Structures are given as C-alpha cells and as structure tokens.
Amino acid sequence: MASHQLHLSLITPEAKIFESDVDFVALPAHDGEIGVMFNRAPLVCQLGAGLLKARMGSTEQTWFVDAGFVQVLDNRVVVLTQKAIKPEQLDREEATRQLEETRQLPTNTDEQARKRARIQASARAKIHAAGAS
C-alpha cells in the first residue's frame, strides 16, 4: 500500500466489486455521510442508502449502495453491502414508481412503519443518485 492511502474493498454477496488503494472514501452511513482518510480512527457502522465515493488522485469512482456494513481498521476500509450499482445504471423512473408505491404500504405497527421508511429512503437515494450520474 502506498503511503497515506487506504485500501478499499467493496464486496457484495455476488462479487468483489472493487479493491484498490484510494486517497479518500465517502460513505452513506445510516445516520449521515462519513468521510474516511488515512489514519482514521477504527470504525464499524451500518450503511444507509446513498452514494459511496472513492477518490484516487484526480479520479473518482462512485457506486449506489443500499444498506450493509463498513469497517475501518488500520487504513483498510471494508464495505459489505447487498448491492453496489454504478449511478448511470440506476433507473430514475423505476425508483420514482417505487417511492409512489410505498405510500400505499400500511403503517399500523412500528415494524411496518420502519419498513416503509427504509424503502422510501432507498427510493429517494436512488432518485438522487440517478440524477447525479
């Protein structure tokens, strides 16, 4: 690993999507965005839905991730997520349709309300990410 760089591994159940040394990583944590630079304190957190960005020099790689976990330890960032999709592969119209459909979901129990909120957050993040591509 080159000096002052992090090693990023982005892994889904199907494949290792990305593995390389990077200068900076921005992650969509469940409670807001987190930036990770060289020598960051150890961290384990739950991911939310949004854009994961990895910067290497003047280039940047971006993926839409939706839930999962991240571990930062000894300048290694390991991201485990169900899906990692390039923003240009997202279908904004499908995400908008998904958001509209969630408005019909019941919210009679706390569990139903949490499920609806999670699906709506994911759909909104997809819409935003599709617009960013």
N, C-alpha and C. Protein backbone atom coordinates (compact mmCIF):
# COMPACT_ATOMS: atom_id res chain seq x y z
N MET A 1 0.86 -1.17 0.00
CA MET A 1 0.00 0.00 0.00
C MET A 1 0.90 1.24 0.00
N ALA A 2 0.61 2.18 -0.87
CA ALA A 2 1.38 3.42 -0.94
C ALA A 2 1.14 4.24 0.32
N SER A 3 2.08 5.11 0.63
CA SER A 3 1.94 5.88 1.86
C SER A 3 0.76 6.84 1.77
N HIS A 4 0.10 7.04 2.89
CA HIS A 4 -1.05 7.92 3.03
C HIS A 4 -2.24 7.51 2.17
N GLN A 5 -2.39 6.23 1.93
CA GLN A 5 -3.55 5.74 1.21
C GLN A 5 -4.27 4.70 2.05
N LEU A 6 -5.54 4.50 1.69
CA LEU A 6 -6.38 3.48 2.31
C LEU A 6 -6.55 2.35 1.32
N HIS A 7 -6.84 1.16 1.83
CA HIS A 7 -7.17 0.06 0.95
C HIS A 7 -8.67 -0.17 1.06
N LEU A 8 -9.39 0.01 -0.06
CA LEU A 8 -10.84 -0.13 -0.08
C LEU A 8 -11.23 -1.45 -0.73
N SER A 9 -12.10 -2.21 -0.04
CA SER A 9 -12.71 -3.41 -0.59
C SER A 9 -14.22 -3.21 -0.55
N LEU A 10 -14.86 -3.29 -1.71
CA LEU A 10 -16.31 -3.18 -1.83
C LEU A 10 -16.84 -4.54 -2.27
N ILE A 11 -17.61 -5.17 -1.38
CA ILE A 11 -17.99 -6.57 -1.58
C ILE A 11 -19.51 -6.73 -1.48
N THR A 12 -20.07 -7.45 -2.45
CA THR A 12 -21.49 -7.85 -2.40
C THR A 12 -21.52 -9.38 -2.29
N PRO A 13 -22.68 -9.96 -2.03
CA PRO A 13 -22.74 -11.43 -1.98
C PRO A 13 -22.33 -12.09 -3.30
N GLU A 14 -22.50 -11.40 -4.42
CA GLU A 14 -22.19 -11.98 -5.73
C GLU A 14 -20.72 -11.84 -6.12
N ALA A 15 -20.06 -10.74 -5.70
CA ALA A 15 -18.72 -10.49 -6.21
C ALA A 15 -18.00 -9.41 -5.40
N LYS A 16 -16.69 -9.39 -5.58
CA LYS A 16 -15.90 -8.27 -5.09
C LYS A 16 -15.97 -7.22 -6.19
N ILE A 17 -16.63 -6.11 -5.90
CA ILE A 17 -16.90 -5.09 -6.91
C ILE A 17 -15.68 -4.21 -7.16
N PHE A 18 -14.94 -3.92 -6.11
CA PHE A 18 -13.81 -3.01 -6.24
C PHE A 18 -12.81 -3.33 -5.14
N GLU A 19 -11.54 -3.30 -5.49
CA GLU A 19 -10.49 -3.44 -4.49
C GLU A 19 -9.26 -2.70 -5.00
N SER A 20 -8.87 -1.67 -4.24
CA SER A 20 -7.72 -0.87 -4.66
C SER A 20 -7.32 0.09 -3.54
N ASP A 21 -6.15 0.66 -3.68
CA ASP A 21 -5.73 1.72 -2.78
C ASP A 21 -6.35 3.02 -3.25
N VAL A 22 -6.83 3.80 -2.30
CA VAL A 22 -7.51 5.07 -2.59
C VAL A 22 -7.02 6.14 -1.63
N ASP A 23 -7.31 7.40 -1.97
CA ASP A 23 -6.91 8.52 -1.12
C ASP A 23 -8.01 8.89 -0.12
N PHE A 24 -9.27 8.67 -0.51
CA PHE A 24 -10.39 9.12 0.32
C PHE A 24 -11.63 8.31 -0.03
N VAL A 25 -12.46 8.04 0.98
CA VAL A 25 -13.72 7.33 0.78
C VAL A 25 -14.82 8.12 1.49
N ALA A 26 -15.94 8.33 0.82
CA ALA A 26 -17.14 8.91 1.43
C ALA A 26 -18.20 7.83 1.45
N LEU A 27 -18.80 7.60 2.62
CA LEU A 27 -19.75 6.51 2.82
C LEU A 27 -21.10 7.03 3.28
N PRO A 28 -22.19 6.44 2.78
CA PRO A 28 -23.51 6.82 3.29
C PRO A 28 -23.86 5.99 4.54
N ALA A 29 -23.49 6.46 5.69
CA ALA A 29 -23.83 5.75 6.93
C ALA A 29 -25.32 5.87 7.17
N HIS A 30 -25.84 5.06 8.05
CA HIS A 30 -27.29 5.07 8.32
C HIS A 30 -27.76 6.40 8.89
N ASP A 31 -26.83 7.16 9.46
CA ASP A 31 -27.21 8.43 10.09
C ASP A 31 -26.50 9.64 9.49
N GLY A 32 -25.96 9.50 8.28
CA GLY A 32 -25.30 10.61 7.61
C GLY A 32 -24.03 10.16 6.91
N GLU A 33 -23.46 11.06 6.14
CA GLU A 33 -22.26 10.72 5.38
C GLU A 33 -21.01 10.76 6.26
N ILE A 34 -20.11 9.82 6.02
CA ILE A 34 -18.83 9.75 6.74
C ILE A 34 -17.71 9.79 5.73
N GLY A 35 -16.72 10.62 5.98
CA GLY A 35 -15.53 10.66 5.15
C GLY A 35 -14.40 9.92 5.85
N VAL A 36 -13.64 9.16 5.08
CA VAL A 36 -12.55 8.36 5.64
C VAL A 36 -11.27 8.72 4.91
N MET A 37 -10.28 9.14 5.70
CA MET A 37 -8.95 9.45 5.16
C MET A 37 -7.92 8.59 5.88
N PHE A 38 -6.70 8.66 5.44
CA PHE A 38 -5.58 7.91 6.02
C PHE A 38 -5.51 8.14 7.54
N ASN A 39 -5.29 7.08 8.27
CA ASN A 39 -5.14 7.07 9.73
C ASN A 39 -6.41 7.45 10.48
N ARG A 40 -7.56 7.19 9.91
CA ARG A 40 -8.81 7.44 10.61
C ARG A 40 -8.93 6.46 11.77
N ALA A 41 -9.57 6.89 12.83
CA ALA A 41 -9.81 6.02 13.99
C ALA A 41 -10.65 4.81 13.55
N PRO A 42 -10.49 3.68 14.19
CA PRO A 42 -11.29 2.50 13.85
C PRO A 42 -12.78 2.80 13.93
N LEU A 43 -13.53 2.13 13.07
CA LEU A 43 -14.96 2.39 12.97
C LEU A 43 -15.66 1.15 12.44
N VAL A 44 -16.81 0.86 12.99
CA VAL A 44 -17.75 -0.10 12.41
C VAL A 44 -19.09 0.60 12.43
N CYS A 45 -19.77 0.63 11.28
CA CYS A 45 -21.09 1.26 11.26
C CYS A 45 -21.99 0.62 10.22
N GLN A 46 -23.25 0.89 10.38
CA GLN A 46 -24.27 0.41 9.46
C GLN A 46 -24.39 1.40 8.31
N LEU A 47 -24.48 0.89 7.09
CA LEU A 47 -24.66 1.75 5.93
C LEU A 47 -26.13 2.07 5.72
N GLY A 48 -26.37 3.21 5.14
CA GLY A 48 -27.70 3.57 4.67
C GLY A 48 -27.71 3.44 3.16
N ALA A 49 -28.67 4.05 2.52
CA ALA A 49 -28.74 4.07 1.07
C ALA A 49 -28.14 5.38 0.57
N GLY A 50 -27.29 5.30 -0.44
CA GLY A 50 -26.70 6.51 -0.99
C GLY A 50 -25.46 6.20 -1.79
N LEU A 51 -24.71 7.24 -2.08
CA LEU A 51 -23.51 7.11 -2.90
C LEU A 51 -22.27 6.86 -2.06
N LEU A 52 -21.53 5.85 -2.47
CA LEU A 52 -20.21 5.58 -1.92
C LEU A 52 -19.22 6.12 -2.95
N LYS A 53 -18.31 6.97 -2.51
CA LYS A 53 -17.36 7.59 -3.44
C LYS A 53 -15.94 7.25 -2.99
N ALA A 54 -15.12 6.88 -3.96
CA ALA A 54 -13.71 6.60 -3.70
C ALA A 54 -12.88 7.49 -4.62
N ARG A 55 -11.97 8.26 -4.03
CA ARG A 55 -11.14 9.16 -4.82
C ARG A 55 -9.71 8.65 -4.86
N MET A 56 -9.16 8.60 -6.06
CA MET A 56 -7.78 8.22 -6.28
C MET A 56 -7.14 9.31 -7.13
N GLY A 57 -6.35 10.16 -6.50
CA GLY A 57 -5.79 11.29 -7.24
C GLY A 57 -6.89 12.18 -7.74
N SER A 58 -6.95 12.41 -9.04
CA SER A 58 -7.98 13.29 -9.61
C SER A 58 -9.18 12.51 -10.15
N THR A 59 -9.18 11.19 -9.99
CA THR A 59 -10.31 10.40 -10.46
C THR A 59 -11.17 9.94 -9.29
N GLU A 60 -12.44 9.70 -9.60
CA GLU A 60 -13.37 9.27 -8.56
C GLU A 60 -14.25 8.15 -9.10
N GLN A 61 -14.41 7.12 -8.30
CA GLN A 61 -15.33 6.02 -8.60
C GLN A 61 -16.53 6.18 -7.68
N THR A 62 -17.72 5.92 -8.20
CA THR A 62 -18.95 6.10 -7.42
C THR A 62 -19.87 4.91 -7.63
N TRP A 63 -20.51 4.46 -6.54
CA TRP A 63 -21.50 3.40 -6.58
C TRP A 63 -22.67 3.78 -5.69
N PHE A 64 -23.85 3.32 -6.06
CA PHE A 64 -25.01 3.40 -5.18
C PHE A 64 -25.00 2.14 -4.34
N VAL A 65 -25.02 2.31 -3.02
CA VAL A 65 -25.11 1.17 -2.11
C VAL A 65 -26.38 1.33 -1.28
N ASP A 66 -26.93 0.21 -0.89
CA ASP A 66 -28.18 0.24 -0.15
C ASP A 66 -28.08 -0.73 1.02
N ALA A 67 -27.71 -0.20 2.15
CA ALA A 67 -27.58 -0.96 3.40
C ALA A 67 -26.33 -1.82 3.39
N GLY A 68 -26.00 -2.32 4.55
CA GLY A 68 -24.81 -3.14 4.74
C GLY A 68 -24.01 -2.60 5.91
N PHE A 69 -22.73 -2.94 5.91
CA PHE A 69 -21.84 -2.54 6.99
C PHE A 69 -20.49 -2.12 6.44
N VAL A 70 -19.81 -1.29 7.21
CA VAL A 70 -18.46 -0.88 6.86
C VAL A 70 -17.57 -1.02 8.09
N GLN A 71 -16.34 -1.44 7.85
CA GLN A 71 -15.34 -1.50 8.91
C GLN A 71 -14.12 -0.72 8.43
N VAL A 72 -13.61 0.15 9.29
CA VAL A 72 -12.38 0.88 9.02
C VAL A 72 -11.41 0.49 10.12
N LEU A 73 -10.27 -0.08 9.73
CA LEU A 73 -9.27 -0.53 10.69
C LEU A 73 -7.92 -0.58 10.01
N ASP A 74 -6.93 0.05 10.61
CA ASP A 74 -5.56 0.03 10.08
C ASP A 74 -5.49 0.43 8.61
N ASN A 75 -6.16 1.51 8.26
CA ASN A 75 -6.15 2.06 6.90
C ASN A 75 -6.72 1.10 5.86
N ARG A 76 -7.61 0.23 6.31
CA ARG A 76 -8.36 -0.66 5.42
C ARG A 76 -9.84 -0.38 5.62
N VAL A 77 -10.53 -0.20 4.51
CA VAL A 77 -11.98 0.06 4.54
C VAL A 77 -12.64 -1.12 3.84
N VAL A 78 -13.46 -1.85 4.60
CA VAL A 78 -14.17 -3.00 4.03
C VAL A 78 -15.66 -2.67 4.06
N VAL A 79 -16.27 -2.67 2.88
CA VAL A 79 -17.70 -2.37 2.74
C VAL A 79 -18.40 -3.65 2.29
N LEU A 80 -19.36 -4.09 3.11
CA LEU A 80 -20.19 -5.25 2.78
C LEU A 80 -21.60 -4.75 2.55
N THR A 81 -22.12 -4.97 1.36
CA THR A 81 -23.44 -4.46 1.01
C THR A 81 -24.17 -5.45 0.10
N GLN A 82 -25.49 -5.39 0.11
CA GLN A 82 -26.27 -6.27 -0.74
C GLN A 82 -26.12 -5.91 -2.21
N LYS A 83 -25.95 -4.61 -2.49
CA LYS A 83 -25.79 -4.20 -3.88
C LYS A 83 -24.91 -2.96 -3.98
N ALA A 84 -24.16 -2.93 -5.06
CA ALA A 84 -23.32 -1.78 -5.40
C ALA A 84 -23.50 -1.57 -6.90
N ILE A 85 -24.15 -0.47 -7.24
CA ILE A 85 -24.55 -0.20 -8.62
C ILE A 85 -23.97 1.14 -9.05
N LYS A 86 -23.45 1.19 -10.24
CA LYS A 86 -22.99 2.47 -10.79
C LYS A 86 -24.21 3.37 -10.97
N PRO A 87 -24.11 4.65 -10.62
CA PRO A 87 -25.27 5.56 -10.72
C PRO A 87 -25.90 5.60 -12.11
N GLU A 88 -25.09 5.49 -13.15
CA GLU A 88 -25.64 5.54 -14.50
C GLU A 88 -26.49 4.30 -14.84
N GLN A 89 -26.42 3.26 -14.02
CA GLN A 89 -27.22 2.06 -14.23
C GLN A 89 -28.55 2.11 -13.48
N LEU A 90 -28.74 3.13 -12.67
CA LEU A 90 -29.99 3.27 -11.93
C LEU A 90 -31.11 3.78 -12.83
N ASP A 91 -32.31 3.32 -12.59
CA ASP A 91 -33.48 3.74 -13.35
C ASP A 91 -34.29 4.71 -12.49
N ARG A 92 -34.17 5.98 -12.80
CA ARG A 92 -34.85 7.01 -12.01
C ARG A 92 -36.37 6.84 -12.02
N GLU A 93 -36.93 6.48 -13.17
CA GLU A 93 -38.37 6.29 -13.26
C GLU A 93 -38.84 5.13 -12.40
N GLU A 94 -38.07 4.04 -12.39
CA GLU A 94 -38.41 2.88 -11.55
C GLU A 94 -38.34 3.26 -10.07
N ALA A 95 -37.33 4.02 -9.69
CA ALA A 95 -37.20 4.46 -8.30
C ALA A 95 -38.36 5.38 -7.91
N THR A 96 -38.77 6.25 -8.83
CA THR A 96 -39.91 7.14 -8.56
C THR A 96 -41.19 6.31 -8.40
N ARG A 97 -41.35 5.31 -9.24
CA ARG A 97 -42.51 4.42 -9.14
C ARG A 97 -42.49 3.67 -7.80
N GLN A 98 -41.31 3.21 -7.39
CA GLN A 98 -41.17 2.51 -6.11
C GLN A 98 -41.54 3.43 -4.96
N LEU A 99 -41.11 4.67 -5.02
CA LEU A 99 -41.44 5.64 -3.98
C LEU A 99 -42.95 5.85 -3.90
N GLU A 100 -43.60 5.99 -5.04
CA GLU A 100 -45.06 6.16 -5.07
C GLU A 100 -45.78 4.95 -4.49
N GLU A 101 -45.30 3.76 -4.83
CA GLU A 101 -45.93 2.53 -4.33
C GLU A 101 -45.81 2.40 -2.81
N THR A 102 -44.72 2.90 -2.24
CA THR A 102 -44.54 2.78 -0.79
C THR A 102 -45.57 3.60 -0.02
N ARG A 103 -46.11 4.60 -0.67
CA ARG A 103 -47.11 5.43 0.02
C ARG A 103 -48.39 4.64 0.31
N GLN A 104 -48.55 3.50 -0.39
CA GLN A 104 -49.72 2.64 -0.17
C GLN A 104 -49.47 1.59 0.91
N LEU A 105 -48.23 1.44 1.35
CA LEU A 105 -47.92 0.42 2.35
C LEU A 105 -48.53 0.79 3.70
N PRO A 106 -49.00 -0.21 4.44
CA PRO A 106 -49.59 0.07 5.75
C PRO A 106 -48.52 0.50 6.76
N THR A 107 -48.94 1.27 7.73
CA THR A 107 -48.05 1.70 8.82
C THR A 107 -48.75 1.52 10.16
N ASN A 108 -49.49 0.42 10.29
CA ASN A 108 -50.26 0.17 11.51
C ASN A 108 -49.38 -0.21 12.70
N THR A 109 -48.23 -0.81 12.42
CA THR A 109 -47.33 -1.21 13.50
C THR A 109 -46.00 -0.48 13.34
N ASP A 110 -45.19 -0.49 14.38
CA ASP A 110 -43.87 0.12 14.30
C ASP A 110 -43.02 -0.56 13.24
N GLU A 111 -43.11 -1.87 13.16
CA GLU A 111 -42.33 -2.61 12.17
C GLU A 111 -42.74 -2.22 10.74
N GLN A 112 -44.03 -2.10 10.49
CA GLN A 112 -44.50 -1.68 9.16
C GLN A 112 -44.03 -0.26 8.84
N ALA A 113 -44.08 0.61 9.83
CA ALA A 113 -43.65 2.00 9.62
C ALA A 113 -42.15 2.06 9.32
N ARG A 114 -41.34 1.25 10.04
CA ARG A 114 -39.89 1.22 9.79
C ARG A 114 -39.58 0.67 8.40
N LYS A 115 -40.30 -0.38 8.00
CA LYS A 115 -40.10 -0.96 6.68
C LYS A 115 -40.43 0.06 5.59
N ARG A 116 -41.55 0.75 5.75
CA ARG A 116 -41.94 1.76 4.77
C ARG A 116 -40.90 2.88 4.70
N ALA A 117 -40.45 3.34 5.85
CA ALA A 117 -39.44 4.41 5.88
C ALA A 117 -38.14 3.96 5.22
N ARG A 118 -37.73 2.72 5.45
CA ARG A 118 -36.49 2.19 4.87
C ARG A 118 -36.61 2.13 3.34
N ILE A 119 -37.74 1.63 2.84
CA ILE A 119 -37.95 1.53 1.40
C ILE A 119 -38.01 2.92 0.76
N GLN A 120 -38.68 3.86 1.44
CA GLN A 120 -38.76 5.22 0.92
C GLN A 120 -37.39 5.88 0.89
N ALA A 121 -36.60 5.68 1.93
CA ALA A 121 -35.25 6.26 1.95
C ALA A 121 -34.40 5.70 0.81
N SER A 122 -34.51 4.41 0.57
CA SER A 122 -33.77 3.79 -0.52
C SER A 122 -34.20 4.35 -1.87
N ALA A 123 -35.51 4.47 -2.08
CA ALA A 123 -36.02 5.01 -3.35
C ALA A 123 -35.58 6.46 -3.55
N ARG A 124 -35.66 7.27 -2.50
CA ARG A 124 -35.21 8.67 -2.62
C ARG A 124 -33.72 8.75 -2.93
N ALA A 125 -32.92 7.89 -2.29
CA ALA A 125 -31.49 7.88 -2.54
C ALA A 125 -31.19 7.47 -3.98
N LYS A 126 -31.95 6.49 -4.51
CA LYS A 126 -31.77 6.08 -5.90
C LYS A 126 -32.11 7.23 -6.85
N ILE A 127 -33.20 7.93 -6.58
CA ILE A 127 -33.59 9.07 -7.41
C ILE A 127 -32.49 10.12 -7.42
N HIS A 128 -31.97 10.42 -6.25
CA HIS A 128 -30.89 11.41 -6.12
C HIS A 128 -29.63 10.93 -6.85
N ALA A 129 -29.27 9.65 -6.64
CA ALA A 129 -28.06 9.12 -7.26
C ALA A 129 -28.19 9.07 -8.78
N ALA A 130 -29.38 8.72 -9.28
CA ALA A 130 -29.59 8.68 -10.73
C ALA A 130 -29.46 10.07 -11.34
N GLY A 131 -29.86 11.08 -10.60
CA GLY A 131 -29.72 12.46 -11.08
C GLY A 131 -28.28 12.94 -11.05
N ALA A 132 -27.43 12.29 -10.23
CA ALA A 132 -26.04 12.70 -10.09
C ALA A 132 -25.17 12.11 -11.18
N SER A 133 -25.69 11.14 -11.93
CA SER A 133 -24.84 10.47 -12.93
C SER A 133 -24.75 11.26 -14.21
